[in-house]
Amino acid sequence: MMFVTLSLNPAIDQTVELDELRPGAVNLARGALRHAGGKGINVAACLADWGAAPIVTGLLGEANDAPFNALFFARGIDDRCIRIPGETRTNIKLLDLGRGDTTDINLPGTAPGAEALDAALAALHAAIRPGSIAVLAGSLPPGLPAETYAELVALLSEQGARVVVDASGAALSAVLAAPVLPHAIKPNRFELEGWIGRPLPDQAALLAAARALVARGIALVAVSLGAEGALFVAADAAVRVHPPSIAVGSSVGAGDAMVAGIAAGLGEGVPLEALARRAAAFSAAKLQEAGARLPGRAAVEAIAATIHVEPLA
């Protein structure tokens, strides 16, 4: 199975560890870690740890691409990203060790030139084969219209790919308003509420919103709920996964790991319950690791065996 990810606005994630985050005060850090990141990059890294051989496409700043080059080499990831002048943006992740949560400070990135963008999209289309799983994930760089992912969904679907989208805001709204819909999406509660325009305070409301999207033609809607688990909704079934109680190293990239688990499940054609368990296990396993990394296939499968999957009526 061929997995292809697109990262038009990747980032180097700098995670700063704090005993306690105190806004408006001087904070003394325990330490800091830097990882090549961005949603599409993270998804590819987790798929590689699972044993797949993903292809990454997109844009990288040539001035600081060393962390990405090292990641791709170490994980056996096929790098087809286009280098552009300047640096890839750096995102700051403030990890409050006392609370166990992370505050993100994400920079906007650099507007790409038309020639570089065309080259990146050409590389994406060249990598696609019928049956490929194509993952479009993350924010769009400045200057690109919100309809960019929606247009790509139509083009990639025409090539025979099953497209998984993990986007938010205007980009997600454009995808969901387009005549050709993706095969799967993974909004979190807040992204789904932002699209639908009202609070979704409980499971019944979330399930109804997800089922409405499935009825419009999306094969799989996964709604991530953080520590509360996730809903996985298809045309013939719906389930809720309850994550295991584990020690959390960093939540950075946990949602991207879930997308990787969804892609892996789709690629292997597993039933909904098994796909949901695997996606939740990817996410839980990532919580034990720094950066976009899984502890290995056997460890992920062991976590999956502990995850409770609840069928929903």
C-alpha atoms as a PDB file:
ATOM      1  CA  MET A   1       0.000   0.000   0.000  1.00  0.00           C
ATOM      2  CA  MET A   2       1.298   3.419  -0.976  1.00  0.00           C
ATOM      3  CA  PHE A   3       0.915   6.300   1.497  1.00  0.00           C
ATOM      4  CA  VAL A   4       1.566   9.848   0.294  1.00  0.00           C
ATOM      5  CA  THR A   5       1.432  12.904   2.559  1.00  0.00           C
ATOM      6  CA  LEU A   6       1.449  16.602   1.678  1.00  0.00           C
ATOM      7  CA  SER A   7       2.968  19.295   3.914  1.00  0.00           C
ATOM      8  CA  LEU A   8       2.720  22.753   2.375  1.00  0.00           C
ATOM      9  CA  ASN A   9       3.418  24.536   5.669  1.00  0.00           C
ATOM     10  CA  PRO A  10       5.644  22.249   7.781  1.00  0.00           C
ATOM     11  CA  ALA A  11       7.473  23.366  10.896  1.00  0.00           C
ATOM     12  CA  ILE A  12      10.299  22.603  13.243  1.00  0.00           C
ATOM     13  CA  ASP A  13       8.595  21.957  16.571  1.00  0.00           C
ATOM     14  CA  GLN A  14      10.512  23.289  19.566  1.00  0.00           C
ATOM     15  CA  THR A  15       9.044  21.771  22.725  1.00  0.00           C
ATOM     16  CA  VAL A  16       9.973  23.674  25.900  1.00  0.00           C
ATOM     17  CA  GLU A  17       9.467  21.737  29.151  1.00  0.00           C
ATOM     18  CA  LEU A  18       8.265  23.723  32.172  1.00  0.00           C
ATOM     19  CA  ASP A  19       7.367  22.620  35.678  1.00  0.00           C
ATOM     20  CA  GLU A  20       4.489  25.080  35.474  1.00  0.00           C
ATOM     21  CA  LEU A  21       3.494  27.564  32.768  1.00  0.00           C
ATOM     22  CA  ARG A  22       2.872  30.983  34.346  1.00  0.00           C
ATOM     23  CA  PRO A  23       1.541  33.502  31.792  1.00  0.00           C
ATOM     24  CA  GLY A  24       2.908  37.010  32.200  1.00  0.00           C
ATOM     25  CA  ALA A  25       5.837  35.829  34.346  1.00  0.00           C
ATOM     26  CA  VAL A  26       9.409  34.688  33.788  1.00  0.00           C
ATOM     27  CA  ASN A  27       9.351  30.911  33.242  1.00  0.00           C
ATOM     28  CA  LEU A  28      12.453  28.800  33.838  1.00  0.00           C
ATOM     29  CA  ALA A  29      12.557  25.877  31.409  1.00  0.00           C
ATOM     30  CA  ARG A  30      13.793  22.412  32.300  1.00  0.00           C
ATOM     31  CA  GLY A  31      14.959  21.875  28.744  1.00  0.00           C
ATOM     32  CA  ALA A  32      13.933  21.978  25.112  1.00  0.00           C
ATOM     33  CA  LEU A  33      13.690  19.528  22.223  1.00  0.00           C
ATOM     34  CA  ARG A  34      13.565  20.263  18.497  1.00  0.00           C
ATOM     35  CA  HIS A  35      11.901  17.956  16.003  1.00  0.00           C
ATOM     36  CA  ALA A  36      11.101  18.151  12.317  1.00  0.00           C
ATOM     37  CA  GLY A  37       7.340  18.451  12.236  1.00  0.00           C
ATOM     38  CA  GLY A  38       4.186  19.576  10.530  1.00  0.00           C
ATOM     39  CA  LYS A  39       1.109  17.353  10.300  1.00  0.00           C
ATOM     40  CA  GLY A  40       1.958  15.607   7.034  1.00  0.00           C
ATOM     41  CA  ILE A  41       5.554  15.011   8.164  1.00  0.00           C
ATOM     42  CA  ASN A  42       4.356  13.620  11.507  1.00  0.00           C
ATOM     43  CA  VAL A  43       1.861  11.284   9.829  1.00  0.00           C
ATOM     44  CA  ALA A  44       4.586   9.929   7.553  1.00  0.00           C
ATOM     45  CA  ALA A  45       6.972   9.421  10.485  1.00  0.00           C
ATOM     46  CA  CYS A  46       4.387   7.391  12.416  1.00  0.00           C
ATOM     47  CA  LEU A  47       3.537   5.309   9.347  1.00  0.00           C
ATOM     48  CA  ALA A  48       7.236   4.570   8.912  1.00  0.00           C
ATOM     49  CA  ASP A  49       7.471   3.410  12.539  1.00  0.00           C
ATOM     50  CA  TRP A  50       4.527   1.074  11.846  1.00  0.00           C
ATOM     51  CA  GLY A  51       6.492  -0.482   9.007  1.00  0.00           C
ATOM     52  CA  ALA A  52       5.118   1.369   5.970  1.00  0.00           C
ATOM     53  CA  ALA A  53       7.243   3.205   3.406  1.00  0.00           C
ATOM     54  CA  PRO A  54       5.501   6.580   3.016  1.00  0.00           C
ATOM     55  CA  ILE A  55       6.253   9.302   0.499  1.00  0.00           C
ATOM     56  CA  VAL A  56       6.377  12.906   1.712  1.00  0.00           C
ATOM     57  CA  THR A  57       5.681  15.840  -0.589  1.00  0.00           C
ATOM     58  CA  GLY A  58       5.415  19.555   0.046  1.00  0.00           C
ATOM     59  CA  LEU A  59       7.688  22.520   0.691  1.00  0.00           C
ATOM     60  CA  LEU A  60      10.756  22.890   2.923  1.00  0.00           C
ATOM     61  CA  GLY A  61      13.031  25.871   3.549  1.00  0.00           C
ATOM     62  CA  GLU A  62      16.475  25.034   2.229  1.00  0.00           C
ATOM     63  CA  ALA A  63      18.263  27.011   4.964  1.00  0.00           C
ATOM     64  CA  ASN A  64      17.225  24.696   7.825  1.00  0.00           C
ATOM     65  CA  ASP A  65      16.171  21.415   6.251  1.00  0.00           C
ATOM     66  CA  ALA A  66      18.793  19.341   8.138  1.00  0.00           C
ATOM     67  CA  PRO A  67      16.323  18.040  10.785  1.00  0.00           C
ATOM     68  CA  PHE A  68      13.965  16.917   8.019  1.00  0.00           C
ATOM     69  CA  ASN A  69      16.758  15.254   6.050  1.00  0.00           C
ATOM     70  CA  ALA A  70      17.835  13.391   9.177  1.00  0.00           C
ATOM     71  CA  LEU A  71      14.264  12.270   9.920  1.00  0.00           C
ATOM     72  CA  PHE A  72      13.659  11.032   6.386  1.00  0.00           C
ATOM     73  CA  PHE A  73      16.942   9.111   6.316  1.00  0.00           C
ATOM     74  CA  ALA A  74      16.475   7.546   9.753  1.00  0.00           C
ATOM     75  CA  ARG A  75      12.917   6.368   9.064  1.00  0.00           C
ATOM     76  CA  GLY A  76      13.305   5.347   5.424  1.00  0.00           C
ATOM     77  CA  ILE A  77      10.836   7.988   4.221  1.00  0.00           C
ATOM     78  CA  ASP A  78      10.834   8.813   0.516  1.00  0.00           C
ATOM     79  CA  ASP A  79      11.514  12.578   0.394  1.00  0.00           C
ATOM     80  CA  ARG A  80       9.985  14.336  -2.600  1.00  0.00           C
ATOM     81  CA  CYS A  81       9.626  17.774  -0.981  1.00  0.00           C
ATOM     82  CA  ILE A  82      10.586  20.883  -2.941  1.00  0.00           C
ATOM     83  CA  ARG A  83      13.166  23.144  -1.290  1.00  0.00           C
ATOM     84  CA  ILE A  84      12.505  26.882  -1.334  1.00  0.00           C
ATOM     85  CA  PRO A  85      14.719  29.810  -0.277  1.00  0.00           C
ATOM     86  CA  GLY A  86      14.704  30.719   3.400  1.00  0.00           C
ATOM     87  CA  GLU A  87      13.788  28.776   6.517  1.00  0.00           C
ATOM     88  CA  THR A  88      10.958  26.495   7.488  1.00  0.00           C
ATOM     89  CA  ARG A  89       9.017  28.127  10.336  1.00  0.00           C
ATOM     90  CA  THR A  90       9.560  27.149  13.975  1.00  0.00           C
ATOM     91  CA  ASN A  91       6.561  26.441  16.207  1.00  0.00           C
ATOM     92  CA  ILE A  92       6.887  26.708  19.987  1.00  0.00           C
ATOM     93  CA  LYS A  93       5.235  24.074  22.200  1.00  0.00           C
ATOM     94  CA  LEU A  94       5.133  24.948  25.913  1.00  0.00           C
ATOM     95  CA  LEU A  95       4.760  21.689  27.851  1.00  0.00           C
ATOM     96  CA  ASP A  96       3.428  22.221  31.381  1.00  0.00           C
ATOM     97  CA  LEU A  97       4.674  19.122  33.191  1.00  0.00           C
ATOM     98  CA  GLY A  98       2.503  19.801  36.237  1.00  0.00           C
ATOM     99  CA  ARG A  99      -0.753  20.029  34.318  1.00  0.00           C
ATOM    100  CA  GLY A 100       0.246  17.641  31.563  1.00  0.00           C
ATOM    101  CA  ASP A 101      -0.939  19.968  28.794  1.00  0.00           C
ATOM    102  CA  THR A 102       0.726  21.874  25.978  1.00  0.00           C
ATOM    103  CA  THR A 103       0.339  25.477  24.805  1.00  0.00           C
ATOM    104  CA  ASP A 104       1.075  25.904  21.092  1.00  0.00           C
ATOM    105  CA  ILE A 105       2.499  29.054  19.517  1.00  0.00           C
ATOM    106  CA  ASN A 106       2.359  28.466  15.767  1.00  0.00           C
ATOM    107  CA  LEU A 107       3.931  30.921  13.323  1.00  0.00           C
ATOM    108  CA  PRO A 108       2.234  31.542   9.956  1.00  0.00           C
ATOM    109  CA  GLY A 109       5.035  30.358   7.668  1.00  0.00           C
ATOM    110  CA  THR A 110       6.336  31.800   4.402  1.00  0.00           C
ATOM    111  CA  ALA A 111       4.261  32.426   1.288  1.00  0.00           C
ATOM    112  CA  PRO A 112       5.611  30.125  -1.450  1.00  0.00           C
ATOM    113  CA  GLY A 113       6.296  31.304  -4.974  1.00  0.00           C
ATOM    114  CA  ALA A 114       4.055  30.047  -7.754  1.00  0.00           C
ATOM    115  CA  GLU A 115       6.829  28.009  -9.365  1.00  0.00           C
ATOM    116  CA  ALA A 116       7.715  26.191  -6.130  1.00  0.00           C
ATOM    117  CA  LEU A 117       4.058  25.506  -5.341  1.00  0.00           C
ATOM    118  CA  ASP A 118       3.462  24.100  -8.822  1.00  0.00           C
ATOM    119  CA  ALA A 119       6.510  21.854  -8.431  1.00  0.00           C
ATOM    120  CA  ALA A 120       5.315  20.571  -5.044  1.00  0.00           C
ATOM    121  CA  LEU A 121       1.849  19.768  -6.361  1.00  0.00           C
ATOM    122  CA  ALA A 122       3.321  18.124  -9.446  1.00  0.00           C
ATOM    123  CA  ALA A 123       5.406  15.891  -7.164  1.00  0.00           C
ATOM    124  CA  LEU A 124       2.265  15.015  -5.194  1.00  0.00           C
ATOM    125  CA  HIS A 125       0.317  13.997  -8.279  1.00  0.00           C
ATOM    126  CA  ALA A 126       3.282  12.050  -9.681  1.00  0.00           C
ATOM    127  CA  ALA A 127       3.456   9.977  -6.474  1.00  0.00           C
ATOM    128  CA  ILE A 128      -0.202   8.921  -6.562  1.00  0.00           C
ATOM    129  CA  ARG A 129      -1.261   5.532  -7.881  1.00  0.00           C
ATOM    130  CA  PRO A 130      -4.777   4.043  -7.969  1.00  0.00           C
ATOM    131  CA  GLY A 131      -5.537   2.857  -4.446  1.00  0.00           C
ATOM    132  CA  SER A 132      -3.025   5.187  -2.764  1.00  0.00           C
ATOM    133  CA  ILE A 133      -3.894   6.741   0.585  1.00  0.00           C
ATOM    134  CA  ALA A 134      -3.236  10.488   0.252  1.00  0.00           C
ATOM    135  CA  VAL A 135      -3.094  12.555   3.443  1.00  0.00           C
ATOM    136  CA  LEU A 136      -3.653  16.321   3.221  1.00  0.00           C
ATOM    137  CA  ALA A 137      -2.904  17.704   6.654  1.00  0.00           C
ATOM    138  CA  GLY A 138      -2.047  20.914   8.412  1.00  0.00           C
ATOM    139  CA  SER A 139      -2.397  24.622   7.823  1.00  0.00           C
ATOM    140  CA  LEU A 140      -1.926  26.308   4.471  1.00  0.00           C
ATOM    141  CA  PRO A 141       0.905  28.814   4.067  1.00  0.00           C
ATOM    142  CA  PRO A 142       0.106  32.497   3.569  1.00  0.00           C
ATOM    143  CA  GLY A 143      -1.146  33.358   0.111  1.00  0.00           C
ATOM    144  CA  LEU A 144      -2.889  30.070  -0.654  1.00  0.00           C
ATOM    145  CA  PRO A 145      -6.686  30.116  -0.975  1.00  0.00           C
ATOM    146  CA  ALA A 146      -8.816  28.183   1.497  1.00  0.00           C
ATOM    147  CA  GLU A 147     -10.060  26.037  -1.406  1.00  0.00           C
ATOM    148  CA  THR A 148      -6.595  24.508  -1.995  1.00  0.00           C
ATOM    149  CA  TYR A 149      -7.339  21.222  -0.213  1.00  0.00           C
ATOM    150  CA  ALA A 150     -10.840  21.009  -1.693  1.00  0.00           C
ATOM    151  CA  GLU A 151      -9.414  21.274  -5.204  1.00  0.00           C
ATOM    152  CA  LEU A 152      -6.751  18.678  -4.420  1.00  0.00           C
ATOM    153  CA  VAL A 153      -9.350  16.254  -3.049  1.00  0.00           C
ATOM    154  CA  ALA A 154     -11.120  16.302  -6.412  1.00  0.00           C
ATOM    155  CA  LEU A 155      -7.921  15.872  -8.422  1.00  0.00           C
ATOM    156  CA  LEU A 156      -6.481  13.108  -6.247  1.00  0.00           C
ATOM    157  CA  SER A 157      -9.801  11.254  -6.128  1.00  0.00           C
ATOM    158  CA  GLU A 158      -9.884  11.355  -9.928  1.00  0.00           C
ATOM    159  CA  GLN A 159      -6.448   9.692  -9.877  1.00  0.00           C
ATOM    160  CA  GLY A 160      -7.889   6.852  -7.791  1.00  0.00           C
ATOM    161  CA  ALA A 161      -6.584   7.860  -4.362  1.00  0.00           C
ATOM    162  CA  ARG A 162      -8.517   7.691  -1.135  1.00  0.00           C
ATOM    163  CA  VAL A 163      -7.959  11.092   0.460  1.00  0.00           C
ATOM    164  CA  VAL A 164      -7.732  11.712   4.206  1.00  0.00           C
ATOM    165  CA  VAL A 165      -8.015  15.356   5.293  1.00  0.00           C
ATOM    166  CA  ASP A 166      -6.968  16.789   8.652  1.00  0.00           C
ATOM    167  CA  ALA A 167      -7.597  20.531   8.413  1.00  0.00           C
ATOM    168  CA  SER A 168      -9.404  23.270  10.298  1.00  0.00           C
ATOM    169  CA  GLY A 169     -11.097  26.621   9.834  1.00  0.00           C
ATOM    170  CA  ALA A 170     -11.697  27.925   6.345  1.00  0.00           C
ATOM    171  CA  ALA A 171      -9.758  25.078   4.714  1.00  0.00           C
ATOM    172  CA  LEU A 172     -11.988  22.468   6.375  1.00  0.00           C
ATOM    173  CA  SER A 173     -15.129  24.424   5.509  1.00  0.00           C
ATOM    174  CA  ALA A 174     -14.079  24.590   1.863  1.00  0.00           C
ATOM    175  CA  VAL A 175     -13.412  20.842   1.795  1.00  0.00           C
ATOM    176  CA  LEU A 176     -16.838  20.073   3.252  1.00  0.00           C
ATOM    177  CA  ALA A 177     -18.592  22.481   0.860  1.00  0.00           C
ATOM    178  CA  ALA A 178     -16.992  21.007  -2.272  1.00  0.00           C
ATOM    179  CA  PRO A 179     -18.832  18.671  -4.663  1.00  0.00           C
ATOM    180  CA  VAL A 180     -16.146  15.973  -4.294  1.00  0.00           C
ATOM    181  CA  LEU A 181     -15.624  14.987  -0.661  1.00  0.00           C
ATOM    182  CA  PRO A 182     -12.648  13.203   0.894  1.00  0.00           C
ATOM    183  CA  HIS A 183     -12.761   9.550   1.891  1.00  0.00           C
ATOM    184  CA  ALA A 184     -12.052  10.378   5.551  1.00  0.00           C
ATOM    185  CA  ILE A 185     -11.674  13.386   7.835  1.00  0.00           C
ATOM    186  CA  LYS A 186     -10.446  13.744  11.429  1.00  0.00           C
ATOM    187  CA  PRO A 187     -11.718  16.941  13.036  1.00  0.00           C
ATOM    188  CA  ASN A 188     -11.493  17.456  16.762  1.00  0.00           C
ATOM    189  CA  ARG A 189     -14.509  18.661  18.721  1.00  0.00           C
ATOM    190  CA  PHE A 190     -13.616  22.353  18.342  1.00  0.00           C
ATOM    191  CA  GLU A 191     -12.975  22.073  14.593  1.00  0.00           C
ATOM    192  CA  LEU A 192     -16.300  20.314  14.093  1.00  0.00           C
ATOM    193  CA  GLU A 193     -18.092  22.935  16.200  1.00  0.00           C
ATOM    194  CA  GLY A 194     -16.409  25.697  14.183  1.00  0.00           C
ATOM    195  CA  TRP A 195     -17.638  24.182  10.936  1.00  0.00           C
ATOM    196  CA  ILE A 196     -21.194  23.497  12.095  1.00  0.00           C
ATOM    197  CA  GLY A 197     -21.490  26.862  13.863  1.00  0.00           C
ATOM    198  CA  ARG A 198     -22.808  25.722  17.237  1.00  0.00           C
ATOM    199  CA  PRO A 199     -21.614  23.896  20.360  1.00  0.00           C
ATOM    200  CA  LEU A 200     -21.653  20.105  20.337  1.00  0.00           C
ATOM    201  CA  PRO A 201     -21.744  19.530  24.084  1.00  0.00           C
ATOM    202  CA  ASP A 202     -22.276  15.792  24.293  1.00  0.00           C
ATOM    203  CA  GLN A 203     -21.834  12.497  22.491  1.00  0.00           C
ATOM    204  CA  ALA A 204     -25.295  12.591  20.923  1.00  0.00           C
ATOM    205  CA  ALA A 205     -24.642  15.978  19.293  1.00  0.00           C
ATOM    206  CA  LEU A 206     -21.200  14.944  18.076  1.00  0.00           C
ATOM    207  CA  LEU A 207     -22.541  11.683  16.685  1.00  0.00           C
ATOM    208  CA  ALA A 208     -25.364  13.452  14.847  1.00  0.00           C
ATOM    209  CA  ALA A 209     -22.928  15.910  13.251  1.00  0.00           C
ATOM    210  CA  ALA A 210     -20.599  13.106  12.165  1.00  0.00           C
ATOM    211  CA  ARG A 211     -23.462  11.052  10.759  1.00  0.00           C
ATOM    212  CA  ALA A 212     -24.693  14.049   8.762  1.00  0.00           C
ATOM    213  CA  LEU A 213     -21.269  14.234   7.088  1.00  0.00           C
ATOM    214  CA  VAL A 214     -21.274  10.497   6.381  1.00  0.00           C
ATOM    215  CA  ALA A 215     -24.732  10.840   4.839  1.00  0.00           C
ATOM    216  CA  ARG A 216     -23.290  13.443   2.455  1.00  0.00           C
ATOM    217  CA  GLY A 217     -20.709  10.952   1.186  1.00  0.00           C
ATOM    218  CA  ILE A 218     -17.671  10.883   3.497  1.00  0.00           C
ATOM    219  CA  ALA A 219     -16.854   7.225   4.163  1.00  0.00           C
ATOM    220  CA  LEU A 220     -15.286   7.786   7.589  1.00  0.00           C
ATOM    221  CA  VAL A 221     -15.549  10.640  10.088  1.00  0.00           C
ATOM    222  CA  ALA A 222     -13.269  10.391  13.130  1.00  0.00           C
ATOM    223  CA  VAL A 223     -13.855  13.003  15.829  1.00  0.00           C
ATOM    224  CA  SER A 224     -10.951  13.201  18.267  1.00  0.00           C
ATOM    225  CA  LEU A 225     -11.840  14.164  21.833  1.00  0.00           C
ATOM    226  CA  GLY A 226      -8.446  14.273  23.530  1.00  0.00           C
ATOM    227  CA  ALA A 227      -8.409  12.427  26.848  1.00  0.00           C
ATOM    228  CA  GLU A 228     -12.062  11.472  26.276  1.00  0.00           C
ATOM    229  CA  GLY A 229     -11.181   9.253  23.317  1.00  0.00           C
ATOM    230  CA  ALA A 230     -12.700   9.544  19.861  1.00  0.00           C
ATOM    231  CA  LEU A 231     -15.767   8.736  17.782  1.00  0.00           C
ATOM    232  CA  PHE A 232     -15.439   6.786  14.526  1.00  0.00           C
ATOM    233  CA  VAL A 233     -18.473   6.944  12.280  1.00  0.00           C
ATOM    234  CA  ALA A 234     -19.122   5.132   8.987  1.00  0.00           C
ATOM    235  CA  ALA A 235     -22.265   4.438   6.984  1.00  0.00           C
ATOM    236  CA  ASP A 236     -22.989   1.095   8.629  1.00  0.00           C
ATOM    237  CA  ALA A 237     -21.546   1.507  12.134  1.00  0.00           C
ATOM    238  CA  ALA A 238     -20.275   3.915  14.761  1.00  0.00           C
ATOM    239  CA  VAL A 239     -17.988   3.322  17.730  1.00  0.00           C
ATOM    240  CA  ARG A 240     -16.347   5.236  20.530  1.00  0.00           C
ATOM    241  CA  VAL A 241     -12.852   4.394  21.718  1.00  0.00           C
ATOM    242  CA  HIS A 242     -11.821   4.926  25.316  1.00  0.00           C
ATOM    243  CA  PRO A 243      -8.057   5.477  25.571  1.00  0.00           C
ATOM    244  CA  PRO A 244      -5.952   3.623  28.140  1.00  0.00           C
ATOM    245  CA  SER A 245      -4.577   5.379  31.196  1.00  0.00           C
ATOM    246  CA  ILE A 246      -0.903   5.922  30.402  1.00  0.00           C
ATOM    247  CA  ALA A 247       1.876   8.312  31.325  1.00  0.00           C
ATOM    248  CA  VAL A 248       1.974  11.302  28.975  1.00  0.00           C
ATOM    249  CA  GLY A 249       5.352  12.496  27.760  1.00  0.00           C
ATOM    250  CA  SER A 250       4.116  15.093  25.258  1.00  0.00           C
ATOM    251  CA  SER A 251       0.775  15.497  23.488  1.00  0.00           C
ATOM    252  CA  VAL A 252       2.478  17.150  20.491  1.00  0.00           C
ATOM    253  CA  GLY A 253       1.614  15.112  17.404  1.00  0.00           C
ATOM    254  CA  ALA A 254      -0.943  12.820  19.080  1.00  0.00           C
ATOM    255  CA  GLY A 255      -3.648  13.851  16.621  1.00  0.00           C
ATOM    256  CA  ASP A 256      -1.250  13.304  13.714  1.00  0.00           C
ATOM    257  CA  ALA A 257      -0.506   9.817  15.047  1.00  0.00           C
ATOM    258  CA  MET A 258      -4.238   9.111  15.046  1.00  0.00           C
ATOM    259  CA  VAL A 259      -4.412  10.178  11.387  1.00  0.00           C
ATOM    260  CA  ALA A 260      -1.531   7.799  10.647  1.00  0.00           C
ATOM    261  CA  GLY A 261      -3.435   5.004  12.380  1.00  0.00           C
ATOM    262  CA  ILE A 262      -6.525   5.785  10.306  1.00  0.00           C
ATOM    263  CA  ALA A 263      -4.452   5.708   7.121  1.00  0.00           C
ATOM    264  CA  ALA A 264      -2.838   2.412   8.121  1.00  0.00           C
ATOM    265  CA  GLY A 265      -6.247   0.892   8.847  1.00  0.00           C
ATOM    266  CA  LEU A 266      -7.671   2.083   5.545  1.00  0.00           C
ATOM    267  CA  GLY A 267      -4.661   0.735   3.697  1.00  0.00           C
ATOM    268  CA  GLU A 268      -5.125  -2.718   5.202  1.00  0.00           C
ATOM    269  CA  GLY A 269      -8.924  -2.668   4.827  1.00  0.00           C
ATOM    270  CA  VAL A 270      -9.638  -3.531   8.465  1.00  0.00           C
ATOM    271  CA  PRO A 271     -13.204  -3.243   9.853  1.00  0.00           C
ATOM    272  CA  LEU A 272     -14.293  -0.072  11.635  1.00  0.00           C
ATOM    273  CA  GLU A 273     -13.801  -1.397  15.181  1.00  0.00           C
ATOM    274  CA  ALA A 274     -10.262  -2.579  14.426  1.00  0.00           C
ATOM    275  CA  LEU A 275      -9.438   0.661  12.612  1.00  0.00           C
ATOM    276  CA  ALA A 276     -10.666   2.722  15.572  1.00  0.00           C
ATOM    277  CA  ARG A 277      -8.656   0.626  18.018  1.00  0.00           C
ATOM    278  CA  ARG A 278      -5.531   0.969  15.895  1.00  0.00           C
ATOM    279  CA  ALA A 279      -5.898   4.729  15.442  1.00  0.00           C
ATOM    280  CA  ALA A 280      -6.390   5.206  19.190  1.00  0.00           C
ATOM    281  CA  ALA A 281      -3.375   2.991  19.887  1.00  0.00           C
ATOM    282  CA  PHE A 282      -1.207   5.060  17.524  1.00  0.00           C
ATOM    283  CA  SER A 283      -2.238   8.199  19.409  1.00  0.00           C
ATOM    284  CA  ALA A 284      -1.733   6.677  22.859  1.00  0.00           C
ATOM    285  CA  ALA A 285       1.640   5.201  21.897  1.00  0.00           C
ATOM    286  CA  LYS A 286       2.831   8.574  20.614  1.00  0.00           C
ATOM    287  CA  LEU A 287       2.036  10.141  24.005  1.00  0.00           C
ATOM    288  CA  GLN A 288       4.863   8.064  25.467  1.00  0.00           C
ATOM    289  CA  GLU A 289       7.411   9.367  22.970  1.00  0.00           C
ATOM    290  CA  ALA A 290       8.996  12.752  22.218  1.00  0.00           C
ATOM    291  CA  GLY A 291       8.343  14.064  18.746  1.00  0.00           C
ATOM    292  CA  ALA A 292       6.461  12.216  16.008  1.00  0.00           C
ATOM    293  CA  ARG A 293       7.530   8.722  16.965  1.00  0.00           C
ATOM    294  CA  LEU A 294       5.908   5.405  17.804  1.00  0.00           C
ATOM    295  CA  PRO A 295       7.618   2.859  20.063  1.00  0.00           C
ATOM    296  CA  GLY A 296       7.396   0.117  17.423  1.00  0.00           C
ATOM    297  CA  ARG A 297       4.690  -2.073  15.931  1.00  0.00           C
ATOM    298  CA  ALA A 298       4.663  -4.670  18.717  1.00  0.00           C
ATOM    299  CA  ALA A 299       4.283  -1.982  21.399  1.00  0.00           C
ATOM    300  CA  VAL A 300       1.459  -0.303  19.465  1.00  0.00           C
ATOM    301  CA  GLU A 301      -0.349  -3.622  19.059  1.00  0.00           C
ATOM    302  CA  ALA A 302       0.004  -4.279  22.786  1.00  0.00           C
ATOM    303  CA  ILE A 303      -1.608  -0.910  23.547  1.00  0.00           C
ATOM    304  CA  ALA A 304      -4.373  -1.609  21.011  1.00  0.00           C
ATOM    305  CA  ALA A 305      -5.277  -4.781  22.897  1.00  0.00           C
ATOM    306  CA  THR A 306      -6.019  -2.695  26.022  1.00  0.00           C
ATOM    307  CA  ILE A 307      -8.328  -0.180  24.325  1.00  0.00           C
ATOM    308  CA  HIS A 308     -12.044  -0.476  24.943  1.00  0.00           C
ATOM    309  CA  VAL A 309     -14.229   0.043  21.856  1.00  0.00           C
ATOM    310  CA  GLU A 310     -17.888   0.831  22.520  1.00  0.00           C
ATOM    311  CA  PRO A 311     -20.423   0.253  19.704  1.00  0.00           C
ATOM    312  CA  LEU A 312     -22.878   3.133  19.333  1.00  0.00           C
ATOM    313  CA  ALA A 313     -26.491   2.836  18.273  1.00  0.00           C
END
